[in-house]
PDB file of N, CA and C in Angstrom:
ATOM      1  N   UNK A   1     -17.931   4.623 -18.050  1.00  0.00           N
ATOM      2  CA  UNK A   1     -17.117   4.269 -16.888  1.00  0.00           C
ATOM      3  C   UNK A   1     -17.401   5.252 -15.751  1.00  0.00           C
ATOM      4  N   UNK A   2     -17.433   4.683 -14.536  1.00  0.00           N
ATOM      5  CA  UNK A   2     -17.665   5.520 -13.365  1.00  0.00           C
ATOM      6  C   UNK A   2     -16.395   5.540 -12.527  1.00  0.00           C
ATOM      7  N   UNK A   3     -16.182   6.594 -11.743  1.00  0.00           N
ATOM      8  CA  UNK A   3     -15.004   6.628 -10.868  1.00  0.00           C
ATOM      9  C   UNK A   3     -15.034   5.436  -9.927  1.00  0.00           C
ATOM     10  N   UNK A   4     -13.897   4.785  -9.749  1.00  0.00           N
ATOM     11  CA  UNK A   4     -13.835   3.638  -8.839  1.00  0.00           C
ATOM     12  C   UNK A   4     -14.051   2.317  -9.554  1.00  0.00           C
ATOM     13  N   UNK A   5     -14.554   2.364 -10.811  1.00  0.00           N
ATOM     14  CA  UNK A   5     -14.712   1.119 -11.568  1.00  0.00           C
ATOM     15  C   UNK A   5     -13.336   0.521 -11.851  1.00  0.00           C
ATOM     16  N   UNK A   6     -13.264  -0.795 -11.803  1.00  0.00           N
ATOM     17  CA  UNK A   6     -11.994  -1.471 -12.109  1.00  0.00           C
ATOM     18  C   UNK A   6     -12.061  -1.983 -13.540  1.00  0.00           C
ATOM     19  N   UNK A   7     -11.094  -1.585 -14.339  1.00  0.00           N
ATOM     20  CA  UNK A   7     -11.071  -1.965 -15.742  1.00  0.00           C
ATOM     21  C   UNK A   7     -10.033  -3.069 -15.931  1.00  0.00           C
ATOM     22  N   UNK A   8     -10.436  -4.142 -16.614  1.00  0.00           N
ATOM     23  CA  UNK A   8      -9.481  -5.228 -16.879  1.00  0.00           C
ATOM     24  C   UNK A   8      -8.694  -4.878 -18.133  1.00  0.00           C
ATOM     25  N   UNK A   9      -7.391  -4.744 -17.993  1.00  0.00           N
ATOM     26  CA  UNK A   9      -6.547  -4.426 -19.139  1.00  0.00           C
ATOM     27  C   UNK A   9      -5.406  -5.434 -19.198  1.00  0.00           C
ATOM     28  N   UNK A  10      -4.747  -5.479 -20.347  1.00  0.00           N
ATOM     29  CA  UNK A  10      -3.592  -6.354 -20.489  1.00  0.00           C
ATOM     30  C   UNK A  10      -2.369  -5.517 -20.809  1.00  0.00           C
ATOM     31  N   UNK A  11      -1.252  -5.866 -20.178  1.00  0.00           N
ATOM     32  CA  UNK A  11       0.005  -5.182 -20.454  1.00  0.00           C
ATOM     33  C   UNK A  11       1.025  -6.240 -20.871  1.00  0.00           C
ATOM     34  N   UNK A  12       1.980  -5.821 -21.676  1.00  0.00           N
ATOM     35  CA  UNK A  12       3.003  -6.754 -22.126  1.00  0.00           C
ATOM     36  C   UNK A  12       4.194  -6.681 -21.175  1.00  0.00           C
ATOM     37  N   UNK A  13       4.532  -7.820 -20.554  1.00  0.00           N
ATOM     38  CA  UNK A  13       5.679  -7.879 -19.644  1.00  0.00           C
ATOM     39  C   UNK A  13       6.604  -8.991 -20.118  1.00  0.00           C
ATOM     40  N   UNK A  14       7.804  -8.620 -20.526  1.00  0.00           N
ATOM     41  CA  UNK A  14       8.783  -9.591 -21.024  1.00  0.00           C
ATOM     42  C   UNK A  14       8.192 -10.455 -22.136  1.00  0.00           C
ATOM     43  N   UNK A  15       7.411  -9.832 -23.018  1.00  0.00           N
ATOM     44  CA  UNK A  15       6.869 -10.574 -24.154  1.00  0.00           C
ATOM     45  C   UNK A  15       5.641 -11.395 -23.817  1.00  0.00           C
ATOM     46  N   UNK A  16       5.156 -11.302 -22.581  1.00  0.00           N
ATOM     47  CA  UNK A  16       3.954 -12.048 -22.205  1.00  0.00           C
ATOM     48  C   UNK A  16       2.821 -11.080 -21.904  1.00  0.00           C
ATOM     49  N   UNK A  17       1.605 -11.497 -22.230  1.00  0.00           N
ATOM     50  CA  UNK A  17       0.452 -10.635 -21.958  1.00  0.00           C
ATOM     51  C   UNK A  17      -0.056 -10.945 -20.560  1.00  0.00           C
ATOM     52  N   UNK A  18      -0.017  -9.932 -19.693  1.00  0.00           N
ATOM     53  CA  UNK A  18      -0.415 -10.130 -18.301  1.00  0.00           C
ATOM     54  C   UNK A  18      -1.611  -9.246 -17.990  1.00  0.00           C
ATOM     55  N   UNK A  19      -2.648  -9.795 -17.299  1.00  0.00           N
ATOM     56  CA  UNK A  19      -3.781  -8.947 -16.934  1.00  0.00           C
ATOM     57  C   UNK A  19      -3.348  -7.849 -15.984  1.00  0.00           C
ATOM     58  N   UNK A  20      -3.869  -6.644 -16.214  1.00  0.00           N
ATOM     59  CA  UNK A  20      -3.509  -5.505 -15.385  1.00  0.00           C
ATOM     60  C   UNK A  20      -4.777  -4.744 -15.054  1.00  0.00           C
ATOM     61  N   UNK A  21      -5.084  -4.620 -13.764  1.00  0.00           N
ATOM     62  CA  UNK A  21      -6.301  -3.908 -13.358  1.00  0.00           C
ATOM     63  C   UNK A  21      -5.985  -2.439 -13.139  1.00  0.00           C
ATOM     64  N   UNK A  22      -6.694  -1.606 -13.894  1.00  0.00           N
ATOM     65  CA  UNK A  22      -6.489  -0.158 -13.767  1.00  0.00           C
ATOM     66  C   UNK A  22      -7.721   0.458 -13.141  1.00  0.00           C
ATOM     67  N   UNK A  23      -7.505   1.269 -12.139  1.00  0.00           N
ATOM     68  CA  UNK A  23      -8.635   1.921 -11.491  1.00  0.00           C
ATOM     69  C   UNK A  23      -8.951   3.222 -12.222  1.00  0.00           C
ATOM     70  N   UNK A  24     -10.225   3.461 -12.459  1.00  0.00           N
ATOM     71  CA  UNK A  24     -10.625   4.710 -13.105  1.00  0.00           C
ATOM     72  C   UNK A  24     -10.759   5.769 -12.023  1.00  0.00           C
ATOM     73  N   UNK A  25      -9.973   6.813 -12.146  1.00  0.00           N
ATOM     74  CA  UNK A  25      -9.953   7.846 -11.112  1.00  0.00           C
ATOM     75  C   UNK A  25     -10.697   9.077 -11.603  1.00  0.00           C
ATOM     76  N   UNK A  26     -11.478   9.658 -10.724  1.00  0.00           N
ATOM     77  CA  UNK A  26     -12.228  10.868 -11.070  1.00  0.00           C
ATOM     78  C   UNK A  26     -11.259  12.047 -11.178  1.00  0.00           C
ATOM     79  N   UNK A  27     -11.320  12.790 -12.280  1.00  0.00           N
ATOM     80  CA  UNK A  27     -10.446  13.957 -12.426  1.00  0.00           C
ATOM     81  C   UNK A  27     -10.662  14.960 -11.289  1.00  0.00           C
ATOM     82  N   UNK A  28      -9.618  15.715 -10.974  1.00  0.00           N
ATOM     83  CA  UNK A  28      -9.724  16.678  -9.875  1.00  0.00           C
ATOM     84  C   UNK A  28     -10.711  17.783 -10.228  1.00  0.00           C
ATOM     85  N   UNK A  29     -10.745  18.158 -11.519  1.00  0.00           N
ATOM     86  CA  UNK A  29     -11.648  19.232 -11.931  1.00  0.00           C
ATOM     87  C   UNK A  29     -13.005  18.639 -12.309  1.00  0.00           C
ATOM     88  N   UNK A  30     -14.074  19.023 -11.619  1.00  0.00           N
ATOM     89  CA  UNK A  30     -15.403  18.457 -11.899  1.00  0.00           C
ATOM     90  C   UNK A  30     -15.845  18.689 -13.342  1.00  0.00           C
ATOM     91  N   UNK A  31     -15.324  19.741 -13.970  1.00  0.00           N
ATOM     92  CA  UNK A  31     -15.719  20.024 -15.353  1.00  0.00           C
ATOM     93  C   UNK A  31     -15.225  18.935 -16.299  1.00  0.00           C
ATOM     94  N   UNK A  32     -14.117  18.252 -15.931  1.00  0.00           N
ATOM     95  CA  UNK A  32     -13.567  17.213 -16.799  1.00  0.00           C
ATOM     96  C   UNK A  32     -14.409  15.945 -16.747  1.00  0.00           C
ATOM     97  N   UNK A  33     -15.195  15.788 -15.703  1.00  0.00           N
ATOM     98  CA  UNK A  33     -15.994  14.570 -15.544  1.00  0.00           C
ATOM     99  C   UNK A  33     -17.462  14.953 -15.445  1.00  0.00           C
ATOM    100  N   UNK A  34     -18.257  14.487 -16.410  1.00  0.00           N
ATOM    101  CA  UNK A  34     -19.665  14.901 -16.443  1.00  0.00           C
ATOM    102  C   UNK A  34     -20.569  13.676 -16.364  1.00  0.00           C
ATOM    103  N   UNK A  35     -20.910  13.220 -15.166  1.00  0.00           N
ATOM    104  CA  UNK A  35     -21.780  12.046 -15.021  1.00  0.00           C
ATOM    105  C   UNK A  35     -23.201  12.360 -15.463  1.00  0.00           C
ATOM    106  N   UNK A  36     -23.965  11.347 -15.878  1.00  0.00           N
ATOM    107  CA  UNK A  36     -25.333  11.576 -16.351  1.00  0.00           C
ATOM    108  C   UNK A  36     -26.198  12.302 -15.324  1.00  0.00           C
ATOM    109  N   UNK A  37     -26.051  11.968 -14.045  1.00  0.00           N
ATOM    110  CA  UNK A  37     -26.923  12.576 -13.040  1.00  0.00           C
ATOM    111  C   UNK A  37     -26.608  14.057 -12.838  1.00  0.00           C
ATOM    112  N   UNK A  38     -25.477  14.537 -13.355  1.00  0.00           N
ATOM    113  CA  UNK A  38     -25.109  15.942 -13.175  1.00  0.00           C
ATOM    114  C   UNK A  38     -26.092  16.851 -13.904  1.00  0.00           C
ATOM    115  N   UNK A  39     -26.694  16.352 -14.998  1.00  0.00           N
ATOM    116  CA  UNK A  39     -27.612  17.194 -15.763  1.00  0.00           C
ATOM    117  C   UNK A  39     -28.817  17.589 -14.928  1.00  0.00           C
ATOM    118  N   UNK A  40     -29.243  16.719 -14.027  1.00  0.00           N
ATOM    119  CA  UNK A  40     -30.406  17.027 -13.208  1.00  0.00           C
ATOM    120  C   UNK A  40     -30.072  18.094 -12.163  1.00  0.00           C
ATOM    121  N   UNK A  41     -28.808  18.154 -11.764  1.00  0.00           N
ATOM    122  CA  UNK A  41     -28.424  19.107 -10.726  1.00  0.00           C
ATOM    123  C   UNK A  41     -28.183  20.511 -11.278  1.00  0.00           C
ATOM    124  N   UNK A  42     -28.004  20.607 -12.611  1.00  0.00           N
ATOM    125  CA  UNK A  42     -27.745  21.912 -13.212  1.00  0.00           C
ATOM    126  C   UNK A  42     -28.987  22.795 -13.143  1.00  0.00           C
ATOM    127  N   UNK A  43     -28.800  24.092 -13.032  1.00  0.00           N
ATOM    128  CA  UNK A  43     -29.950  25.014 -13.087  1.00  0.00           C
ATOM    129  C   UNK A  43     -30.597  24.926 -14.463  1.00  0.00           C
ATOM    130  N   UNK A  44     -31.868  25.248 -14.540  1.00  0.00           N
ATOM    131  CA  UNK A  44     -32.598  25.112 -15.801  1.00  0.00           C
ATOM    132  C   UNK A  44     -31.954  25.938 -16.913  1.00  0.00           C
ATOM    133  N   UNK A  45     -31.488  27.130 -16.592  1.00  0.00           N
ATOM    134  CA  UNK A  45     -30.911  27.996 -17.615  1.00  0.00           C
ATOM    135  C   UNK A  45     -29.675  27.343 -18.238  1.00  0.00           C
ATOM    136  N   UNK A  46     -28.872  26.660 -17.435  1.00  0.00           N
ATOM    137  CA  UNK A  46     -27.671  26.009 -17.957  1.00  0.00           C
ATOM    138  C   UNK A  46     -28.044  24.752 -18.728  1.00  0.00           C
ATOM    139  N   UNK A  47     -29.057  24.044 -18.254  1.00  0.00           N
ATOM    140  CA  UNK A  47     -29.454  22.791 -18.897  1.00  0.00           C
ATOM    141  C   UNK A  47     -30.044  23.040 -20.276  1.00  0.00           C
ATOM    142  N   UNK A  48     -30.728  24.188 -20.459  1.00  0.00           N
ATOM    143  CA  UNK A  48     -31.379  24.482 -21.739  1.00  0.00           C
ATOM    144  C   UNK A  48     -30.356  24.568 -22.862  1.00  0.00           C
ATOM    145  N   UNK A  49     -29.181  25.083 -22.575  1.00  0.00           N
ATOM    146  CA  UNK A  49     -28.155  25.205 -23.609  1.00  0.00           C
ATOM    147  C   UNK A  49     -27.697  23.847 -24.101  1.00  0.00           C
ATOM    148  N   UNK A  50     -27.643  22.861 -23.213  1.00  0.00           N
ATOM    149  CA  UNK A  50     -27.165  21.526 -23.592  1.00  0.00           C
ATOM    150  C   UNK A  50     -28.260  20.703 -24.254  1.00  0.00           C
ATOM    151  N   UNK A  51     -29.432  20.714 -23.673  1.00  0.00           N
ATOM    152  CA  UNK A  51     -30.479  19.789 -24.110  1.00  0.00           C
ATOM    153  C   UNK A  51     -31.324  20.376 -25.232  1.00  0.00           C
ATOM    154  N   UNK A  52     -32.225  19.553 -25.763  1.00  0.00           N
ATOM    155  CA  UNK A  52     -33.122  20.014 -26.824  1.00  0.00           C
ATOM    156  C   UNK A  52     -34.134  20.995 -26.220  1.00  0.00           C
ATOM    157  N   UNK A  53     -34.890  21.675 -27.059  1.00  0.00           N
ATOM    158  CA  UNK A  53     -35.898  22.611 -26.540  1.00  0.00           C
ATOM    159  C   UNK A  53     -36.893  21.888 -25.646  1.00  0.00           C
ATOM    160  N   UNK A  54     -37.529  22.606 -24.719  1.00  0.00           N
ATOM    161  CA  UNK A  54     -38.491  21.981 -23.804  1.00  0.00           C
ATOM    162  C   UNK A  54     -39.595  21.275 -24.565  1.00  0.00           C
ATOM    163  N   UNK A  55     -40.167  20.238 -23.942  1.00  0.00           N
ATOM    164  CA  UNK A  55     -41.192  19.437 -24.614  1.00  0.00           C
ATOM    165  C   UNK A  55     -42.442  20.272 -24.908  1.00  0.00           C
ATOM    166  N   UNK A  56     -42.639  21.361 -24.205  1.00  0.00           N
ATOM    167  CA  UNK A  56     -43.826  22.201 -24.407  1.00  0.00           C
ATOM    168  C   UNK A  56     -43.870  22.712 -25.844  1.00  0.00           C
ATOM    169  N   UNK A  57     -42.702  23.026 -26.410  1.00  0.00           N
ATOM    170  CA  UNK A  57     -42.678  23.552 -27.776  1.00  0.00           C
ATOM    171  C   UNK A  57     -42.971  22.440 -28.782  1.00  0.00           C
ATOM    172  N   UNK A  58     -42.635  21.206 -28.455  1.00  0.00           N
ATOM    173  CA  UNK A  58     -42.851  20.096 -29.384  1.00  0.00           C
ATOM    174  C   UNK A  58     -44.330  19.754 -29.511  1.00  0.00           C
ATOM    175  N   UNK A  59     -45.117  20.017 -28.456  1.00  0.00           N
ATOM    176  CA  UNK A  59     -46.513  19.584 -28.437  1.00  0.00           C
ATOM    177  C   UNK A  59     -47.416  20.489 -29.269  1.00  0.00           C
ATOM    178  N   UNK A  60     -46.857  21.575 -29.835  1.00  0.00           N
ATOM    179  CA  UNK A  60     -47.687  22.507 -30.622  1.00  0.00           C
ATOM    180  C   UNK A  60     -48.270  21.815 -31.852  1.00  0.00           C
TER     181      UNK A  60
END
């Protein structure tokens, strides 16, 4: 899910199921929300901790 996406949900109102659209809101703290493109913006030193070892080591 991305911020701003509209999610179709159902809520029960007086015993009836009614469609309810909930907006996905981006958390105020950027650390709580980690989009895929954020990995490219991270410095290499920070990215190394998250990702697998560099491909150079695999080619040995």
